[in-house]
Structure formats: C-alpha cells, structure tokens
Amino acid sequence: MDGSDHLAHERSKAQFDVEKMKIVWAGSLYAFQVSNRIARLVAGDPAFTKENRAVLSRRELFKNTLRKAAHAWKRITELGLSEEEASWLRFYVDELSYAYVHWGMFVPAIKGSGTEDQQNKWLPLATNMQIIGTYAQTELGHGSNVRGLETTANFDPKTDEFIIHSPTLTSSKWWPGGLGKIATHAVVYARLITDGQDHGVHGFIVQLRSLDDHLPLPGITVGDIGMKFGSGAFNSIDNGFVRFDHVHIPRNQMLMRVSQVTREGKYVHSNVPRQLVYGAMVYVRQIIVVDASIALSRAVCIAARYSAVRRQFGSENHEISGTGVETQVIDYKTQQSRLFPLLASAYAFRFVGEWLKWLYTDLTQKLEANDFSTLPEAHACTAGLKSLTTSAAADGIEECRKLCGGHGYLTSSGLPELYAVFVPACTYEGDNIVLLLQVARFLMKTISKLPSGGNYKLSGATAYMGHMEHYLIKYSCNVQKAEDWLKPNTILEAFEARAIRMCFACAQNLTEFADQSEGFSELSTDLVEAAIAHCQLIVVSKFIKKLQQNIEGNGVKQQLETLCYIYALHLIHKNSGDFLSTGSLNPKQASLANDQLRSLYAKVRPNVIGLVDAFNYSDHFLGSVLGCYDGNVYPKLYEEACKDPLNDSVVADGYGEYIQPLLNQQLLNARL
C-alpha cells in the first residue's frame, strides 16, 4: 500500500461530514466559499510558486517577494477584489512582505487615530498604493515598555512644525516590517513635547523616502536590520531601522483624533474618548489568536498525514521474519498522545478566536457609545489569549516537527519555515510573559473589588469569580468514574475552581507585602501561572459554548465534542499539579481523567485525517511534501532532494581544490 492508498483508506474511515466541518472551521458558508475560491486562484497562478524559496540568497528572496507582492496587487486590481478578498489573497500567497505591515498596521493606525480630514487625505493614497507605509513604534532600546520610548516630537511654534528626532542610539526605530528598503511613509511613535512639557507617546505620519527616486529624505538614516532566524521565513521582508536627525514635519501630520496641538502650541484633548485607541490593540491581538490556530493547524495537518503514511516496526513475528506489514506511526499510543491534543488545540484556538472577533465588535460599539465598562476585560482577554495561544502554537509546531522524525527537519517538510515564521508572535505585539502579568493585574484588581463573603454577580470572562465562596469553601468535584469527565459542567467547574483558588491565593499572598509593587514582583511567577489558569478556562468555556450552537452535518458535533474533551482533559493531565495542590481534584479523579483521555484518543483515531482535511489547505499553501494531500511522500521527497543546487553537478565544486589533494596525500602515505 503506497502513500495515496494509505490516505484514501484513512479518509474512508471518517465518521462525519467533512465538507460540513470545513464550513464550521471557516466560520460560515460564505467565509468558506470566499476563502476556497481565493485559495484556488493563488494555487493555480504560477507567479505565486514557492519553488526553490529556501535556497535563494537574501537578495534573491527579497526581490522575488517584491515580484509576488506586485503581482498580487495587479491581480487584486484586475479582478476588482473586495477588501476582504484581497486580504485572503495576500494570506494564501503566504510570503511575508511590506504589504502585510502596510495593510495590517499602517492603514489601521490612520483609520483608528486619524481625524476625518487626515483619513480623507492619507487613506486614498495608502489604499491605492500611491504611498507604502509601515508602523514604527519599537525601538532598539524599548519594545514592550511603550512609555519608555525615546524618540521625540518637539513642536516649533515658529514654523508650525514638529521636529522628529532620535536623541540616542537606543532611540533608533528597530524592527518595523517594510521599513528597511521599501516604505515611503511611517506612522512614527514619539514623545510629544510642547514648550518643554512631555505629553507622552503619540503617533505622527512621517515621510521617509522621496516619491521620485526613493532616496531617504534629509535627516533620515534608514536600512535593514539584517538576517533573521530560519531560511526564508521573515528574511523575505525588510525589517528595518531608522534614525531621525531633527526632521521637520507639518503640524497636521500628528494623528489628532484623540488629542491635538493648536497653531499656538497648546496641547488639547478632542471630544473623542482616548480609550478608542485601545480598540486597535484589541483588534490586532484578536487577529494574532486566529493566526495561532492557523499556524498550529498547518503543522498538525502535516504531522497527521505523514503519521498515517509512515510505517515503522511491527509485531515481534514481523521483526524476526522481516515479512508482513509494519505499523502506521499514527497507531502508536505515544504518537497519539502527542499529536491528538495539538489537533484539539487547533480547533479550540479557532473557536476562541471567533469569540474574540465578537468581543472586538461588541467593544467597538460600546466605545463609540462612550461605554468603557468592558474595555479592561477586553484588553485582559486579548492580551492573555494572545500569550496563551501563540506560546502553545509555537511549541506545538516544534512538537509536530519531532513527530515527523528526521524528515521533519528537512526544509521541504514545511515545518522549519512554519516555525521560523510563527515564533516571533511570542514577542511581537507584547511579550507573552509581560502580557500575562497584565492579565494578573486585572485579576487581582477584580478580586480586590469583591466584598468579603457571599456570591456576587459578575459578567464576562470573570463571571465565575462571583462564586468565590462556593469555590473556596463548598466546592468538591463529583467525578467518581471516567465517564463523568464527559459532562461539560463538571469540566467547567474543575477549571473554575482551579483558576479562582490560584488567583485568590495570589491575592492573599500580596496582602503580606506593605509595598504592592514589591509583592507583585516577588510573586510574579505565581501570578503568571494564575493568569494562565484563567486563560485556559476561557478557551475551554468557549469551546463548550461552541458545542451549544446549532451545528449542521452528520457526526460533526460529535467530533467537536470529542476534541473539546481531549483539549480539556489533556490540560488537566499537563497541569495536574495545579488541580491537585488547589484541591480542585483528588488523585483518583486526576487518574480517571487520564483514563478517559486514552479512550478519547481511540475514539478520534479513525477521524483524524478527515479532521485535518477540514482545514481545507491546498498543497500550495501547506508547502510540505510530508503533508501533501495525495500522500505520495517518498517520491516527492526524492524529487525535492534532486532539485537541490548541490546536485547540479555530479562532482562537488571545490573537489579539485580541497578534497583531491587531501585524498592524494592519504594515498601517498599509504604507499610508504
């Protein structure tokens, strides 16, 4: 049986409607239809080929990326694609370029922070690609600590201009994508200073390069920051640095939706609430959570298909005789216990990403109505879930590489580049540990507002904290047999008990410190663990909530239920120390959770290939010989090996210069 036969056989085992599951994964029938159409468009266009990308030099890779970005824009305009369709096209091209930052950061910054007049001026230029923008916030010396940024924007009332300046080496803007070689403009974040008074960090639109010859404008030193991790990956984009030497810009290029500087140099707040700016941060982090589900699902798809194709070892009789059929790797329990929780995590992150999208929409409507009540929770949820999902996805991608054995280390497996592309998400848009500490502060503040004794009505993701008395005093897990772990309320209560007891313990310990900042620093490790427990509870609860919706398709809901239980029970297994030490579970109940988890692996096993097929990734997008849809792994591996430039010649370059003299020397010695 060859690879294609293996996967065909696996697909025949599916106990659910795979086509319906594709719609569930996409979010709606419309989203499925649009994404599927654009995916086919990109996969069928030879201009978007990924061939030989890994062996290109940095210069070749960068120029090739510029070509693809230009072709993508050409196709977008020729076909009259909508903004949503254009976004899908850039997504499926699957090559990082200046366009990602232009559309994902520069344009939203102007929409979110610019006045109506500023939007009317700058957005047509940006959306028609008459200017190319980047987002220049991070500096060489400061990333997560935005308040510590050093770049200054000093207002000069004589000329009605701001003077943008980099006073130190560490104030150099560092990392913005597209900045190094391409961007003509940037939203630059700098300390606003009027008449010697520092008003904090604000955004300014600064032109970097001439629109005639693309040379840097006077006072601007700009370049690329150099090679990054991996071959390909982020090396296709020009992450850059820029230093400003007293660069003058007009006063009206300060983004003034929330605050502005008058002609006389007076700093004033507009009637637009400053909290609206935080909506953009929530939006970006919500997108990152969805990206985490996509990156992890790609890795899981590769590992699952290859595990079904790959056979190793077999029964003892087979080992002795050398005959018979070897065992599929996916049938080894150790492979299942590593792979199946990652499959469940991919689905879990997808659904919590859907919920965050709703949360962002709800937040935006409330902010526009001057209702800021849900902003702290929305910030905490997106910060915590960004941290949780990106860390889990990065670790999961690497685990999938190891699940593919030695072949997973090949670039042609698609996994090394996938990891290199995704792992920066653990530090950009907020370092993951810093974000968890922000969540912890929110949780400690929530607990501090609760009166002692009794239960209280709270809303949103912290609603369970309103039942503090129940979980601290009265709660006892009622699991008595393994099947009890298949009750959603039982799972939810266990996760709620663990989270609230860990949070309450931290709050109690903080009271022992006279200086709260000292206490927070001393207990930061415990606080991070409590924040993780809270965020894991959110993911589990949103997965369970998804199951309460009307889900169409034969067997689809049943498969999602199995994945939900796998996700939750695996977390209990991995974090059993927390559940046991807080008294949320006893050792017998933790053991029963493991027993049920093993049963669930057996239940999901026939459906694994169908579940990864439901991601609906084309071979072009997946970019992996190990994860190819038809399963013909070995011929493709051999074909890719033969394409390597080292194989262009039979005898290696340098043989005559370095190897032949060495061999001749050995031969001479042998004759003596």
Foldseek 3Di string as FASTA:
>chain_A
DAFLVLLVVLVVLAQWDLQLLLQVLLPHPVSSVLLLVLLVVLVPDPLLFCPPQLVDDLVRLQVSLVSSVVVLVVVCVVVVDDPVSSVSNVVLSPADELVCQLVLPVLVCCVQQADPVSCVPPVVCSVNVVFREWEFQAWQQDAQPSQPQAWAFEADLVVQKTWTFQPDNRNKGFFIWCFAQHGQKYFHWHFYAFPRDTPTIFTFIDGAADSPPRHGDPQKDKHAPDDDPHRRACSNIRGMIMGGDGDIDHLSRTRDPAWGADSNGDTGGDPQDPLSSCLSLLVSLLVLLQVLLVLLLLLLLLLVSLLSRDFDADDPVCVVPVDDGGDRNLPDLVLLLLRLLSLLLSVLSSLVSVVSVVVSVVCNVCSVVVRCPCVLVSLLLSLQSLLLSLVVSLVSLVSSLVSNPPCSPDVLQVSSSSNRNRNCSCPHSHNSLRSLLSNLVVLLVVVVPDDPDAFDADDDLCRLVSCLCCLQPPDAQPDDALCVLLDLVSLLQLLSSLLSLLSVVLSVQCVVDPDNVVSCVVCSVSSSVSSNSSNLSSSLVSLVVVLVDDRDIRCSSVLSSLSSLLNSLVVCQVVVVSSPVSNSYHPVVNVSSVVNNSVSSVVCSSNSSSSSVSNVNACSSSSHLSSHSSRNNPVVVVVSVCPDPQNPDPDGPCCVPPPVVVVVVVVVVVVD
